[in-house]
Amino acid sequence: MVRPRKQLPATLGEGELHFRGFTGPVAYEVLGEPASLRLGPLRLRGSLTATPEVAADAFRAGEAELMLADGRRFRITLLGHSAGSETAYFEMRI
């Protein structure tokens, strides 16, 4: 018997990405509620959309800070990016 996984709500918005040498606007999607994050090992996964160059540079940087539309800031670790893609994938934490 296969148990269905609970679907996490998606949080979408426009925010600001900051990493060494870049600060600018991006669109993001976070799976889960960022307000539920607390200090500790819990992380949420998501993706950001920007120009292919910004997405590639963010991935190369490895870590960045994402400011959500409501003004909250989170540290993110970039996990993946395909060459030429506008999307980079990340985990966010406090």
Protein backbone atom coordinates (compact mmCIF):
# COMPACT_ATOMS: atom_id res chain seq x y z
CA MET A 1 0.00 0.00 0.00
CA VAL A 2 1.38 3.38 -0.98
CA ARG A 3 0.77 6.24 1.40
CA PRO A 4 0.28 9.58 -0.26
CA ARG A 5 2.65 12.28 0.90
CA LYS A 6 1.19 15.39 2.41
CA GLN A 7 1.42 18.19 -0.14
CA LEU A 8 3.08 21.29 1.25
CA PRO A 9 1.53 24.63 0.33
CA ALA A 10 3.54 26.66 -2.16
CA THR A 11 4.49 30.22 -1.23
CA LEU A 12 5.05 32.32 -4.36
CA GLY A 13 6.28 35.87 -4.68
CA GLU A 14 8.77 38.44 -5.87
CA GLY A 15 11.76 39.07 -3.66
CA GLU A 16 15.35 40.23 -3.59
CA LEU A 17 18.37 37.98 -3.85
CA HIS A 18 21.74 38.98 -2.42
CA PHE A 19 25.05 37.17 -2.86
CA ARG A 20 28.62 38.36 -3.36
CA GLY A 21 28.59 40.85 -6.23
CA PHE A 22 24.83 40.84 -6.84
CA THR A 23 21.67 42.26 -5.31
CA GLY A 24 18.54 42.21 -7.42
CA PRO A 25 14.96 41.06 -7.92
CA VAL A 26 13.94 37.42 -8.40
CA ALA A 27 10.73 35.41 -8.38
CA TYR A 28 10.58 32.53 -5.91
CA GLU A 29 8.52 29.50 -4.93
CA VAL A 30 8.95 27.91 -1.51
CA LEU A 31 7.34 24.57 -0.66
CA GLY A 32 5.98 25.08 2.82
CA GLU A 33 5.31 28.07 5.03
CA PRO A 34 8.43 30.17 5.71
CA ALA A 35 6.80 31.55 8.89
CA SER A 36 6.96 28.01 10.34
CA LEU A 37 10.78 27.89 10.24
CA ARG A 38 12.55 27.94 13.59
CA LEU A 39 16.22 27.76 14.54
CA GLY A 40 17.47 24.25 14.10
CA PRO A 41 17.85 21.65 11.38
CA LEU A 42 14.45 22.19 9.71
CA ARG A 43 14.72 23.51 6.15
CA LEU A 44 12.30 24.25 3.34
CA ARG A 45 13.03 23.68 -0.33
CA GLY A 46 12.24 26.03 -3.15
CA SER A 47 13.31 27.56 -6.41
CA LEU A 48 14.09 31.02 -7.70
CA THR A 49 13.70 32.41 -11.19
CA ALA A 50 15.96 35.09 -12.63
CA THR A 51 18.01 35.54 -15.78
CA PRO A 52 20.11 32.50 -16.71
CA GLU A 53 23.28 34.41 -15.80
CA VAL A 54 22.03 35.39 -12.33
CA ALA A 55 20.75 31.85 -11.64
CA ALA A 56 24.13 30.38 -12.67
CA ASP A 57 26.10 32.93 -10.62
CA ALA A 58 23.92 32.32 -7.55
CA PHE A 59 24.49 28.58 -7.88
CA ARG A 60 28.24 29.12 -8.19
CA ALA A 61 28.18 31.34 -5.07
CA GLY A 62 26.65 28.43 -3.13
CA GLU A 63 24.98 30.55 -0.47
CA ALA A 64 22.86 33.69 -0.62
CA GLU A 65 20.22 35.65 1.23
CA LEU A 66 16.65 35.83 -0.05
CA MET A 67 14.31 38.59 1.07
CA LEU A 68 10.68 37.56 0.64
CA ALA A 69 7.87 39.88 -0.49
CA ASP A 70 6.87 40.48 3.16
CA GLY A 71 10.39 41.67 4.06
CA ARG A 72 11.60 38.59 5.95
CA ARG A 73 15.14 37.48 5.11
CA PHE A 74 16.37 33.89 4.95
CA ARG A 75 19.72 32.28 4.28
CA ILE A 76 19.58 29.91 1.34
CA THR A 77 21.92 27.19 0.12
CA LEU A 78 21.80 26.68 -3.64
CA LEU A 79 21.42 23.01 -4.52
CA GLY A 80 21.04 22.84 -8.27
CA HIS A 81 20.98 24.66 -11.59
CA SER A 82 21.05 23.49 -15.23
CA ALA A 83 23.19 25.41 -17.70
CA GLY A 84 21.11 27.98 -19.55
CA SER A 85 18.13 27.65 -17.19
CA GLU A 86 16.45 30.59 -15.46
CA THR A 87 15.75 28.43 -12.38
CA ALA A 88 17.99 27.58 -9.45
CA TYR A 89 16.92 25.31 -6.57
CA PHE A 90 17.64 25.96 -2.90
CA GLU A 91 17.07 25.06 0.74
CA MET A 92 16.19 27.87 3.10
CA ARG A 93 16.80 28.17 6.83
CA ILE A 94 16.85 30.85 9.48
